[in-house]
Protein backbone atom coordinates (compact mmCIF):
# COMPACT_ATOMS: atom_id res chain seq x y z
CA UNK A 1 41.21 134.02 151.74
CA UNK A 2 39.43 136.58 149.56
CA UNK A 3 36.41 136.48 151.88
CA UNK A 4 38.70 136.96 154.89
CA UNK A 5 40.22 140.01 153.20
CA UNK A 6 36.79 141.48 152.56
CA UNK A 7 35.74 140.86 156.16
CA UNK A 8 38.98 142.32 157.49
CA UNK A 9 38.57 145.39 155.28
CA UNK A 10 35.07 145.99 156.64
CA UNK A 11 36.36 145.54 160.19
CA UNK A 12 39.19 148.05 159.64
CA UNK A 13 36.74 150.67 158.32
CA UNK A 14 34.49 150.17 161.37
CA UNK A 15 37.43 150.41 163.78
CA UNK A 16 38.68 153.65 162.17
CA UNK A 17 35.21 155.19 162.37
CA UNK A 18 35.06 154.17 166.03
CA UNK A 19 38.61 155.36 166.77
CA UNK A 20 37.48 157.27 169.84
CA UNK A 21 36.36 154.01 171.40
CA UNK A 22 39.13 151.74 170.06
CA UNK A 23 42.77 151.70 171.20
CA UNK A 24 45.14 153.15 168.62
CA UNK A 25 47.40 150.06 168.69
CA UNK A 26 44.44 147.83 167.70
CA UNK A 27 43.68 150.01 164.67
CA UNK A 28 47.35 149.92 163.62
CA UNK A 29 47.53 146.14 164.09
CA UNK A 30 44.35 145.32 162.14
CA UNK A 31 45.23 147.66 159.26
CA UNK A 32 48.77 146.24 159.13
CA UNK A 33 47.36 142.70 158.93
CA UNK A 34 45.00 143.83 156.17
CA UNK A 35 47.78 145.44 154.12
CA UNK A 36 49.85 142.28 154.40
CA UNK A 37 46.93 139.95 153.69
CA UNK A 38 45.86 141.69 150.48
CA UNK A 39 49.30 141.07 148.97
CA UNK A 40 49.32 137.45 150.22
CA UNK A 41 45.97 136.75 148.50
CA UNK A 42 47.20 138.32 145.27
CA UNK A 43 50.26 136.10 145.52
CA UNK A 44 48.02 133.05 146.01
CA UNK A 45 46.12 133.92 142.83
CA UNK A 46 49.44 134.39 141.04
CA UNK A 47 50.72 131.04 142.37
CA UNK A 48 47.59 129.28 141.07
CA UNK A 49 48.02 130.96 137.69
CA UNK A 50 51.67 129.84 137.57
CA UNK A 51 50.76 126.24 138.46
CA UNK A 52 48.07 126.04 135.79
CA UNK A 53 50.23 127.84 133.23
CA UNK A 54 53.11 125.39 133.72
CA UNK A 55 50.86 122.34 134.10
CA UNK A 56 52.13 120.87 130.83
CA UNK A 57 55.82 121.65 131.41
CA UNK A 58 57.76 118.72 132.89
CA UNK A 59 60.87 120.77 133.77
CA UNK A 60 59.86 122.68 136.92
CA UNK A 61 62.83 125.03 137.28
CA UNK A 62 60.70 127.93 136.01
CA UNK A 63 58.01 127.15 138.59
CA UNK A 64 60.62 127.00 141.33
CA UNK A 65 61.98 130.40 140.27
CA UNK A 66 58.59 132.13 140.26
CA UNK A 67 57.67 130.64 143.64
CA UNK A 68 60.96 131.93 144.97
CA UNK A 69 60.12 135.33 143.48
CA UNK A 70 56.66 135.32 145.14
CA UNK A 71 58.22 134.49 148.50
CA UNK A 72 60.79 137.29 148.11
CA UNK A 73 58.06 139.82 147.23
CA UNK A 74 55.98 138.82 150.28
CA UNK A 75 58.93 138.79 152.68
CA UNK A 76 60.09 142.24 151.51
CA UNK A 77 56.55 143.60 151.72
CA UNK A 78 56.13 142.13 155.23
CA UNK A 79 59.35 143.86 156.28
CA UNK A 80 58.01 147.20 154.98
CA UNK A 81 54.65 146.65 156.76
CA UNK A 82 56.48 145.96 160.04
CA UNK A 83 58.71 148.99 159.51
CA UNK A 84 55.54 151.01 158.83
CA UNK A 85 54.41 150.57 162.45
CA UNK A 86 57.14 153.01 163.48
CA UNK A 87 57.70 155.02 160.31
CA UNK A 88 54.13 155.41 158.97
CA UNK A 89 55.52 155.10 155.46
CA UNK A 90 52.42 153.15 154.25
CA UNK A 91 49.79 154.54 156.65
CA UNK A 92 49.60 156.01 160.14
CA UNK A 93 46.94 156.98 162.68
CA UNK A 94 47.45 160.26 164.48
CA UNK A 95 46.74 160.97 168.14
CA UNK A 96 43.19 161.98 167.27
CA UNK A 97 42.58 158.54 165.71
CA UNK A 98 42.41 159.83 162.14
CA UNK A 99 43.73 157.52 159.39
CA UNK A 100 46.38 158.97 156.99
CA UNK A 101 47.97 157.44 153.87
CA UNK A 102 51.78 157.36 153.86
CA UNK A 103 54.09 158.24 150.98
CA UNK A 104 54.47 154.51 150.12
CA UNK A 105 50.78 153.72 150.44
CA UNK A 106 50.68 152.29 146.91
CA UNK A 107 53.56 149.87 147.52
CA UNK A 108 51.09 146.96 147.48
CA UNK A 109 50.22 147.84 143.89
CA UNK A 110 53.91 147.73 143.06
CA UNK A 111 54.09 144.20 144.54
CA UNK A 112 51.10 143.14 142.41
CA UNK A 113 52.71 144.75 139.35
CA UNK A 114 55.90 142.80 139.99
CA UNK A 115 53.91 139.55 140.13
CA UNK A 116 52.09 140.42 136.91
CA UNK A 117 55.44 141.02 135.22
CA UNK A 118 56.61 137.60 136.43
CA UNK A 119 53.45 136.02 134.97
CA UNK A 120 54.02 137.60 131.57
CA UNK A 121 57.71 136.67 131.48
CA UNK A 122 56.91 133.07 132.38
CA UNK A 123 54.06 133.01 129.85
CA UNK A 124 56.21 134.28 126.98
CA UNK A 125 58.94 131.78 127.80
CA UNK A 126 56.58 128.78 127.88
CA UNK A 127 53.88 129.95 125.44
CA UNK A 128 53.76 126.75 123.30
CA UNK A 129 52.92 124.64 126.37
CA UNK A 130 50.20 126.91 127.78
CA UNK A 131 46.62 125.67 127.40
CA UNK A 132 43.90 127.74 125.70
CA UNK A 133 42.00 128.24 128.95
CA UNK A 134 45.17 129.54 130.57
CA UNK A 135 45.84 131.88 127.64
CA UNK A 136 42.39 133.39 128.20
CA UNK A 137 43.25 133.94 131.87
CA UNK A 138 46.59 135.57 130.99
CA UNK A 139 44.82 137.84 128.52
CA UNK A 140 42.15 138.82 131.04
CA UNK A 141 43.25 138.95 134.69
CA UNK A 142 46.41 141.14 134.46
CA UNK A 143 44.83 143.84 132.24
CA UNK A 144 41.70 143.95 134.43
CA UNK A 145 43.86 144.15 137.57
CA UNK A 146 45.96 146.96 136.09
CA UNK A 147 42.84 148.94 135.15
CA UNK A 148 41.40 148.55 138.65
CA UNK A 149 44.72 149.63 140.21
CA UNK A 150 44.87 152.73 137.96
CA UNK A 151 41.27 153.54 138.92
CA UNK A 152 42.17 153.13 142.59
CA UNK A 153 45.08 155.56 142.27
CA UNK A 154 42.94 158.11 140.46
CA UNK A 155 40.03 157.78 142.88
CA UNK A 156 41.58 156.86 146.24
CA UNK A 157 38.34 157.48 148.13
CA UNK A 158 36.78 154.41 146.39
CA UNK A 159 38.40 151.18 147.63
CA UNK A 160 38.49 148.48 144.90
CA UNK A 161 40.98 145.98 146.34
CA UNK A 162 38.34 143.35 147.10
CA UNK A 163 36.58 144.03 143.80
CA UNK A 164 39.82 143.13 142.00
CA UNK A 165 40.04 139.85 143.95
CA UNK A 166 36.40 138.99 143.21
CA UNK A 167 36.94 139.66 139.49
CA UNK A 168 40.10 137.49 139.48
CA UNK A 169 38.26 134.63 141.20
CA UNK A 170 35.37 134.90 138.75
CA UNK A 171 37.68 134.87 135.73
CA UNK A 172 39.51 131.80 137.05
CA UNK A 173 36.22 130.01 137.70
CA UNK A 174 34.88 130.71 134.21
CA UNK A 175 38.18 129.78 132.56
CA UNK A 176 38.49 126.42 134.27
CA UNK A 177 34.90 125.25 134.69
CA UNK A 178 35.11 123.47 131.32
CA UNK A 179 37.92 121.23 132.65
CA UNK A 180 35.17 118.97 133.99
CA UNK A 181 34.01 118.38 130.42
CA UNK A 182 37.40 116.85 129.62
CA UNK A 183 37.15 114.32 132.44
CA UNK A 184 35.77 110.82 132.04
CA UNK A 185 32.81 110.59 134.42
CA UNK A 186 33.13 106.82 134.91
CA UNK A 187 36.81 106.60 135.87
CA UNK A 188 37.37 110.26 136.87
CA UNK A 189 40.55 110.49 134.80
CA UNK A 190 41.06 112.62 131.69
CA UNK A 191 39.15 111.58 128.58
CA UNK A 192 40.48 111.23 125.03
CA UNK A 193 39.95 114.95 124.34
CA UNK A 194 41.93 115.85 127.45
CA UNK A 195 44.67 113.41 126.41
CA UNK A 196 44.89 115.06 122.99
CA UNK A 197 45.20 118.51 124.61
CA UNK A 198 47.96 117.33 126.96
CA UNK A 199 49.75 115.62 124.08
CA UNK A 200 49.49 118.74 121.92
CA UNK A 201 50.98 120.98 124.60
CA UNK A 202 53.77 118.50 125.41
CA UNK A 203 54.76 118.34 121.75
CA UNK A 204 54.49 122.11 121.27
CA UNK A 205 56.72 122.69 124.28
CA UNK A 206 59.23 120.07 123.05
CA UNK A 207 58.75 118.09 126.25
CA UNK A 208 60.27 114.60 126.38
CA UNK A 209 57.79 112.00 127.59
CA UNK A 210 56.95 108.33 127.79
CA UNK A 211 53.58 106.96 126.66
CA UNK A 212 52.13 103.66 127.79
CA UNK A 213 48.88 102.46 126.22
CA UNK A 214 47.07 99.44 127.57
CA UNK A 215 43.92 97.70 126.39
CA UNK A 216 41.86 95.37 128.57
CA UNK A 217 41.12 92.36 126.36
CA UNK A 218 37.81 90.44 126.26
CA UNK A 219 36.34 92.75 128.88
CA UNK A 220 32.85 91.67 127.86
CA UNK A 221 33.54 88.46 129.81
CA UNK A 222 34.03 90.53 132.98
CA UNK A 223 30.71 92.30 132.35
CA UNK A 224 28.98 88.99 131.70
CA UNK A 225 30.39 87.37 134.83
CA UNK A 226 29.89 90.21 137.30
CA UNK A 227 27.43 92.59 135.63
CA UNK A 228 28.04 95.98 134.02
CA UNK A 229 27.97 97.87 137.31
CA UNK A 230 30.80 95.80 138.76
CA UNK A 231 32.58 95.97 135.42
CA UNK A 232 32.44 99.78 135.63
CA UNK A 233 33.75 99.65 139.20
CA UNK A 234 36.70 97.53 138.07
CA UNK A 235 37.46 100.09 135.33
CA UNK A 236 37.42 102.80 138.00
CA UNK A 237 39.78 100.70 140.15
CA UNK A 238 42.14 100.19 137.20
CA UNK A 239 42.26 103.93 136.42
CA UNK A 240 42.77 104.83 140.09
CA UNK A 241 45.53 102.28 140.58
CA UNK A 242 47.35 103.33 137.40
CA UNK A 243 47.30 106.92 138.63
CA UNK A 244 49.22 105.89 141.74
CA UNK A 245 51.89 103.76 140.10
CA UNK A 246 54.29 106.28 138.53
CA UNK A 247 55.13 109.61 140.25
CA UNK A 248 54.31 112.47 137.89
CA UNK A 249 52.37 110.18 135.54
CA UNK A 250 48.92 111.15 134.24
CA UNK A 251 46.21 108.66 133.30
CA UNK A 252 43.57 109.06 130.59
CA UNK A 253 40.76 106.88 129.33
CA UNK A 254 41.93 106.53 125.73
CA UNK A 255 39.04 104.32 124.57
CA UNK A 256 36.24 102.19 125.96
CA UNK A 257 38.56 99.79 127.81
CA UNK A 258 41.83 101.44 126.75
CA UNK A 259 43.97 103.66 128.99
CA UNK A 260 46.91 105.94 128.25
CA UNK A 261 49.64 106.97 130.69
CA UNK A 262 51.66 110.13 130.01
CA UNK A 263 54.89 110.14 132.02
CA UNK A 264 57.88 112.53 132.11
CA UNK A 265 60.87 110.90 130.39
CA UNK A 266 63.87 110.87 132.71
CA UNK A 267 65.96 108.22 130.95
CA UNK A 268 65.58 105.07 128.87
CA UNK A 269 66.41 102.99 131.94
CA UNK A 270 63.70 104.67 134.01
CA UNK A 271 61.24 104.30 131.13
CA UNK A 272 61.89 100.55 131.10
CA UNK A 273 61.31 100.42 134.86
CA UNK A 274 58.07 102.40 134.49
CA UNK A 275 56.75 100.03 131.84
CA UNK A 276 57.72 96.97 133.86
CA UNK A 277 55.95 98.43 136.90
CA UNK A 278 52.74 98.99 134.95
CA UNK A 279 52.85 95.58 133.26
CA UNK A 280 53.52 93.71 136.49
CA UNK A 281 50.59 95.46 138.16
CA UNK A 282 48.26 94.64 135.28
CA UNK A 283 49.32 90.99 135.44
CA UNK A 284 48.02 90.88 139.01
CA UNK A 285 44.43 90.63 140.23
CA UNK A 286 41.99 93.56 140.17
CA UNK A 287 39.74 93.65 143.22
CA UNK A 288 36.41 95.35 143.90
CA UNK A 289 34.74 94.31 147.14
CA UNK A 290 34.68 90.52 147.22
CA UNK A 291 35.34 90.27 143.46
CA UNK A 292 38.87 89.36 142.38
CA UNK A 293 39.59 88.94 138.68
CA UNK A 294 42.44 88.81 136.20
CA UNK A 295 42.08 90.79 132.98
CA UNK A 296 44.34 90.02 130.03
CA UNK A 297 45.99 93.24 128.86
CA UNK A 298 47.64 94.33 125.61
CA UNK A 299 50.43 96.93 125.85
CA UNK A 300 52.00 99.49 123.52
CA UNK A 301 54.62 101.97 124.68
CA UNK A 302 56.97 104.56 123.24
CA UNK A 303 59.42 107.25 124.28
CA UNK A 304 59.33 110.66 122.62
CA UNK A 305 62.67 112.45 122.68
CA UNK A 306 61.98 115.27 120.27
CA UNK A 307 61.69 115.49 116.52
CA UNK A 308 59.05 116.66 114.10
CA UNK A 309 55.73 115.12 115.00
CA UNK A 310 52.25 116.66 115.02
CA UNK A 311 49.60 115.65 117.58
CA UNK A 312 47.52 114.05 114.80
CA UNK A 313 50.50 111.99 113.67
CA UNK A 314 51.21 110.91 117.23
CA UNK A 315 47.58 109.81 117.67
CA UNK A 316 47.85 107.80 114.45
CA UNK A 317 51.03 106.13 115.75
CA UNK A 318 49.31 105.29 119.03
CA UNK A 319 46.21 103.85 117.37
CA UNK A 320 48.39 101.81 115.01
CA UNK A 321 50.63 100.51 117.80
CA UNK A 322 47.67 99.61 120.01
CA UNK A 323 46.01 97.77 117.10
CA UNK A 324 49.21 95.78 116.59
CA UNK A 325 49.29 94.97 120.30
CA UNK A 326 45.72 93.65 120.15
CA UNK A 327 46.62 91.47 117.16
CA UNK A 328 49.49 89.78 119.03
CA UNK A 329 48.27 88.38 122.36
CA UNK A 330 50.96 88.30 125.02
CA UNK A 331 53.34 90.55 123.05
CA UNK A 332 54.04 94.09 124.24
CA UNK A 333 54.57 96.44 121.29
CA UNK A 334 57.42 98.92 121.60
CA UNK A 335 56.93 101.69 119.05
CA UNK A 336 60.42 101.97 117.63
CA UNK A 337 61.83 103.27 114.35
CA UNK A 338 61.25 99.83 112.85
CA UNK A 339 57.54 99.92 113.68
CA UNK A 340 57.36 103.50 112.44
CA UNK A 341 58.72 102.36 109.07
CA UNK A 342 56.13 99.59 109.00
CA UNK A 343 53.37 102.10 109.73
CA UNK A 344 54.58 104.46 106.99
CA UNK A 345 54.75 101.56 104.54
CA UNK A 346 51.17 100.53 105.34
CA UNK A 347 50.04 104.12 104.94
CA UNK A 348 51.86 104.31 101.60
CA UNK A 349 50.13 101.15 100.39
CA UNK A 350 46.75 102.43 101.55
CA UNK A 351 47.27 105.70 99.67
CA UNK A 352 48.27 103.74 96.54
CA UNK A 353 45.11 101.62 96.84
CA UNK A 354 42.85 104.63 97.36
CA UNK A 355 44.28 106.39 94.31
CA UNK A 356 44.23 103.16 92.31
CA UNK A 357 40.51 102.71 92.93
CA UNK A 358 39.87 106.17 91.46
CA UNK A 359 42.26 105.56 88.56
CA UNK A 360 41.09 101.95 87.96
CA UNK A 361 44.63 100.55 88.29
CA UNK A 362 43.66 97.26 89.94
CA UNK A 363 43.91 94.19 87.74
CA UNK A 364 42.20 90.82 88.07
CA UNK A 365 44.31 87.73 87.43
CA UNK A 366 43.03 84.17 87.19
CA UNK A 367 44.46 80.99 88.71
CA UNK A 368 43.31 77.90 86.81
CA UNK A 369 41.68 75.07 88.74
CA UNK A 370 42.37 71.60 87.37
CA UNK A 371 39.42 69.18 87.40
CA UNK A 372 40.79 65.65 87.67
CA UNK A 373 40.15 63.63 84.54
CA UNK A 374 38.80 66.65 82.67
CA UNK A 375 41.35 69.49 82.73
CA UNK A 376 41.08 73.17 83.57
CA UNK A 377 37.37 73.97 83.74
CA UNK A 378 37.29 76.78 86.34
CA UNK A 379 39.45 79.46 87.93
CA UNK A 380 39.74 81.71 90.93
CA UNK A 381 39.80 85.48 90.43
CA UNK A 382 42.65 87.17 92.30
CA UNK A 383 43.31 90.89 92.68
CA UNK A 384 46.68 92.31 91.67
CA UNK A 385 48.22 95.78 92.04
CA UNK A 386 51.53 97.45 91.23
CA UNK A 387 52.88 100.53 92.93
CA UNK A 388 53.61 103.64 90.87
CA UNK A 389 57.15 102.44 90.15
CA UNK A 390 55.78 99.27 88.58
CA UNK A 391 56.70 96.95 91.45
CA UNK A 392 54.02 94.35 92.31
CA UNK A 393 52.45 94.67 95.76
CA UNK A 394 51.89 91.23 97.32
CA UNK A 395 48.19 90.50 97.99
CA UNK A 396 49.24 89.19 101.41
CA UNK A 397 50.38 92.77 102.10
CA UNK A 398 47.62 94.94 100.65
CA UNK A 399 44.55 92.74 101.31
CA UNK A 400 44.85 92.91 105.16
CA UNK A 401 45.32 96.70 104.90
CA UNK A 402 42.23 96.90 102.70
CA UNK A 403 40.27 94.87 105.28
CA UNK A 404 41.37 97.09 108.18
CA UNK A 405 40.60 100.31 106.30
CA UNK A 406 37.20 99.13 104.97
CA UNK A 407 38.44 99.44 101.38
CA UNK A 408 38.02 95.68 100.84
CA UNK A 409 34.30 96.13 100.19
CA UNK A 410 34.91 98.36 97.19
CA UNK A 411 37.72 96.11 95.92
CA UNK A 412 35.51 93.02 96.07
CA UNK A 413 32.85 94.69 93.92
CA UNK A 414 35.58 95.73 91.47
CA UNK A 415 36.63 92.07 91.16
CA UNK A 416 33.06 90.88 90.61
CA UNK A 417 32.46 93.52 87.94
CA UNK A 418 35.73 92.68 86.16
CA UNK A 419 35.04 88.93 86.22
CA UNK A 420 31.53 89.34 84.82
CA UNK A 421 32.83 91.63 82.11
CA UNK A 422 35.61 89.13 81.28
CA UNK A 423 33.18 86.21 80.98
CA UNK A 424 30.85 88.26 78.79
CA UNK A 425 33.67 89.18 76.41
CA UNK A 426 35.07 85.61 76.25
CA UNK A 427 32.12 83.30 75.66
CA UNK A 428 33.29 79.69 75.86
CA UNK A 429 32.19 76.27 77.07
CA UNK A 430 35.67 75.40 78.35
CA UNK A 431 35.54 77.49 81.52
CA UNK A 432 32.42 76.61 83.46
CA UNK A 433 32.78 79.15 86.26
CA UNK A 434 35.05 81.62 88.01
CA UNK A 435 35.05 81.97 91.79
CA UNK A 436 35.19 85.34 93.52
CA UNK A 437 36.06 86.10 97.15
CA UNK A 438 33.60 88.30 99.03
CA UNK A 439 34.38 90.17 102.26
CA UNK A 440 32.60 90.51 105.58
CA UNK A 441 31.66 94.10 104.72
CA UNK A 442 29.81 92.99 101.59
CA UNK A 443 27.71 90.45 103.44
CA UNK A 444 26.71 93.21 105.85
CA UNK A 445 24.80 94.72 102.91
CA UNK A 446 21.28 93.24 103.08
CA UNK A 447 20.92 93.90 99.34
CA UNK A 448 23.98 91.81 98.41
CA UNK A 449 21.96 89.17 96.56
CA UNK A 450 20.22 91.77 94.43
CA UNK A 451 23.49 93.54 93.63
CA UNK A 452 25.13 90.32 92.45
CA UNK A 453 22.13 89.33 90.33
CA UNK A 454 21.99 92.83 88.84
CA UNK A 455 25.67 92.53 87.85
CA UNK A 456 25.08 89.11 86.28
CA UNK A 457 22.04 90.33 84.35
CA UNK A 458 23.88 93.40 83.11
CA UNK A 459 26.55 91.14 81.58
CA UNK A 460 24.05 88.52 80.34
CA UNK A 461 25.43 85.73 82.53
CA UNK A 462 23.64 82.86 84.24
CA UNK A 463 24.17 82.54 88.01
CA UNK A 464 26.14 79.30 87.67
CA UNK A 465 29.01 81.14 85.92
CA UNK A 466 30.01 82.82 89.21
CA UNK A 467 30.89 81.05 92.46
CA UNK A 468 31.24 82.93 95.74
CA UNK A 469 34.13 81.97 98.04
CA UNK A 470 33.56 82.54 101.75
CA UNK A 471 35.98 81.91 104.63
CA UNK A 472 34.91 80.56 108.00
CA UNK A 473 35.99 83.86 109.53
CA UNK A 474 33.16 85.53 107.60
CA UNK A 475 30.67 82.88 108.76
CA UNK A 476 31.56 83.33 112.41
CA UNK A 477 30.64 87.03 112.40
CA UNK A 478 26.94 86.18 112.49
CA UNK A 479 26.14 82.57 111.65
CA UNK A 480 22.35 82.85 111.63
CA UNK A 481 22.44 85.89 109.37
CA UNK A 482 24.91 84.19 107.00
CA UNK A 483 22.69 81.10 106.77
CA UNK A 484 19.76 83.30 105.80
CA UNK A 485 21.72 85.26 103.17
CA UNK A 486 23.34 82.18 101.63
CA UNK A 487 20.05 80.30 101.37
CA UNK A 488 18.44 83.32 99.72
CA UNK A 489 21.29 83.52 97.19
CA UNK A 490 21.15 79.75 96.63
CA UNK A 491 17.51 80.08 95.63
CA UNK A 492 18.64 82.62 93.03
CA UNK A 493 21.11 80.05 91.63
CA UNK A 494 24.29 81.49 93.17
CA UNK A 495 26.51 78.78 94.67
CA UNK A 496 29.15 78.98 97.43
CA UNK A 497 32.64 77.59 98.06
CA UNK A 498 34.07 77.30 101.57
CA UNK A 499 37.56 78.78 101.28
CA UNK A 500 40.69 78.07 103.36
CA UNK A 501 39.23 75.14 105.31
CA UNK A 502 41.77 74.06 107.93
CA UNK A 503 43.28 77.44 108.78
CA UNK A 504 42.28 77.33 112.45
CA UNK A 505 38.66 78.46 112.41
CA UNK A 506 37.32 75.04 111.43
CA UNK A 507 34.22 73.70 113.12
CA UNK A 508 32.79 70.82 111.11
CA UNK A 509 29.44 70.76 112.90
CA UNK A 510 28.73 74.41 112.11
CA UNK A 511 30.26 74.42 108.63
CA UNK A 512 28.07 71.55 107.45
CA UNK A 513 24.97 73.59 108.30
CA UNK A 514 25.73 75.96 105.42
CA UNK A 515 24.77 75.28 101.79
CA UNK A 516 28.25 74.89 100.30
CA UNK A 517 28.70 73.33 96.87
CA UNK A 518 32.42 72.89 97.30
CA UNK A 519 35.02 72.90 100.08
CA UNK A 520 38.56 74.14 99.43
CA UNK A 521 41.19 72.53 101.67
CA UNK A 522 43.87 75.00 102.65
CA UNK A 523 47.47 74.44 101.60
CA UNK A 524 48.49 74.21 105.28
CA UNK A 525 47.00 70.69 105.31
CA UNK A 526 49.59 69.61 102.73
CA UNK A 527 52.54 70.16 105.06
CA UNK A 528 54.75 67.12 104.48
CA UNK A 529 52.21 65.61 102.09
CA UNK A 530 52.36 62.91 100.79
CA UNK A 531 55.38 61.63 102.77
CA UNK A 532 53.80 62.57 106.12
CA UNK A 533 51.25 59.81 106.89
CA UNK A 534 49.30 62.03 109.28
CA UNK A 535 48.86 64.67 106.62
CA UNK A 536 47.82 62.03 104.08
CA UNK A 537 45.25 60.58 106.51
CA UNK A 538 43.85 64.04 107.26
CA UNK A 539 43.33 64.90 103.57
CA UNK A 540 41.83 61.46 102.84
CA UNK A 541 39.46 61.64 105.81
CA UNK A 542 38.25 65.17 104.97
CA UNK A 543 37.75 64.26 101.31
CA UNK A 544 35.62 61.22 102.18
CA UNK A 545 33.69 63.20 104.79
CA UNK A 546 32.79 66.08 102.49
CA UNK A 547 31.96 63.69 99.65
CA UNK A 548 29.54 61.91 101.96
CA UNK A 549 27.73 65.22 102.45
CA UNK A 550 27.59 65.89 98.73
CA UNK A 551 30.37 68.51 98.58
CA UNK A 552 33.07 68.66 95.94
CA UNK A 553 36.64 69.01 97.25
CA UNK A 554 39.35 71.35 95.94
CA UNK A 555 42.88 71.16 97.34
CA UNK A 556 44.88 74.41 97.22
CA UNK A 557 48.64 74.94 97.19
CA UNK A 558 49.66 71.85 95.18
CA UNK A 559 53.24 72.40 94.02
CA UNK A 560 54.69 69.11 92.74
CA UNK A 561 53.77 65.96 90.84
CA UNK A 562 53.91 63.61 93.84
CA UNK A 563 51.27 65.67 95.64
CA UNK A 564 49.05 65.79 92.55
CA UNK A 565 49.32 62.02 91.95
CA UNK A 566 48.50 61.12 95.56
CA UNK A 567 45.54 63.53 95.61
CA UNK A 568 44.29 61.89 92.43
CA UNK A 569 44.47 58.47 94.13
CA UNK A 570 42.67 59.83 97.22
CA UNK A 571 39.87 61.02 94.97
CA UNK A 572 39.76 64.78 95.36
CA UNK A 573 37.76 66.52 92.65
CA UNK A 574 39.96 69.49 91.76
CA UNK A 575 43.48 70.75 92.29
CA UNK A 576 44.67 74.36 92.43
CA UNK A 577 48.30 75.36 92.76
CA UNK A 578 51.58 76.29 91.13
CA UNK A 579 52.06 72.71 89.89
CA UNK A 580 49.44 73.34 87.22
CA UNK A 581 49.64 77.10 86.90
CA UNK A 582 50.40 80.32 88.68
CA UNK A 583 47.83 83.15 88.55
CA UNK A 584 47.73 84.58 85.02
CA UNK A 585 46.80 87.97 83.56
CA UNK A 586 43.39 87.81 81.95
CA UNK A 587 44.82 88.06 78.42
CA UNK A 588 47.12 85.07 78.96
CA UNK A 589 44.43 83.08 80.74
CA UNK A 590 41.93 83.73 77.93
CA UNK A 591 44.45 82.73 75.26
CA UNK A 592 45.44 79.46 76.96
CA UNK A 593 42.19 78.19 78.47
CA UNK A 594 39.21 79.86 76.78
């Protein structure tokens, strides 16, 4: 349209200069069209500015008002242009073909000024929801336009109308060219940075919205089955299809195989319908060419209806909710007040742990292990922590949080250091060894063997005084690597216990490939024991099996005499549980058993 205006302007100048050869009515018609067109193009630029300015505002009444205002301005100006044909109030061409400006020749500038005023009013009203790129446009185009209009009035012989349009187009291009950088090139939807910007502006403008996050689970299987190219095409199909599902909804690639949908919140009932629509579609087949595949999907959704919440907090809520959804296959997580309390409690515990590491508030307790026919000859080191009000935090609560946050690595080294120090200070022949649990993060350290030996040497302990407990979950991370590390540590005299055998990860064939000295049967195997014959057979069979391979057997979670007596008859080597003793502070443990 700008190019048409420029061309029409050139044509009008040529026709006026050739007025002796051109009919007067043609000159009047072409100039009238030009005067009308210049205002129409300015209105188009204004309309684009309004659309981009209110992009992040769900309530569109303001947009409807300004569009109505633009229409009114153009209709009124058209009426004046038509009236000008008879009155010459804007321009007229005399009988000699000479062009004259009318008394209202600058009315077009008044129309532009009115539109600029509308832009500023709308901007001030919706400022919190206006993007940074749009703010730059608002701060640039109107002032530049006003300066050019003032120049035009002062120097009417120099025509700058088209220059003003060219400058406006250039400013818009520069302001919005970086939008491509906030688009995911694979799926062609907004990326995580774009999502954060949209979220920030929605929150700043106090917009009510619904968020649906979905994560495609085990997507590596799709890539393995069909290849990465087809896997990428399926991701593109998912993003495209999600964009079509909900009117007014926006789709973003939140993570590698995670998508976020930002939807205007109309009502709780409509939000439920929206979520059901998305879930039902994701339960169906995704098709690309002749490939048709199902992809298991985890969901997290919430409705924001106002309240104090920063964009960073909202992102934390979303990441937390999506993580919970991934942990519970087949369960859609609705981020409610209850889940928010759970999140805040986890964050509180994490902050307590982080401060407690610095302040050395963690304590190591010891649970005695009873050796049948001998008595208590070993123990397991267990980490304990109180909050700042003195209330104990259950290990079942803070250990998973430590694992998720990566703090478990530091905590495990704290336990090892405390145990070595405790054994050095309490020299005795009664306690042969103390076992310590090590995490996956510690085994990722290729210098783990050297660090443990250095700790033992520093406290003048032989390697047989410390036993390392490892769960099958740790082994399954990288079995070949774990075999290598464990054999290396075995050569240095450090022995291993297999912890929590029977918790669901068990694979006898793979477990027996590792150099374990002892296997600890999980308390879950004692369900109904000894009255339950199946449970009794299971414990007996596992004990005989591990004995045949040269492993000692410890049974955990023994709570009463009947269980202890039956285990003694079966022939297990050691018993650990509340029947003999609960975990004890190191002072009490040292006094009673060392």
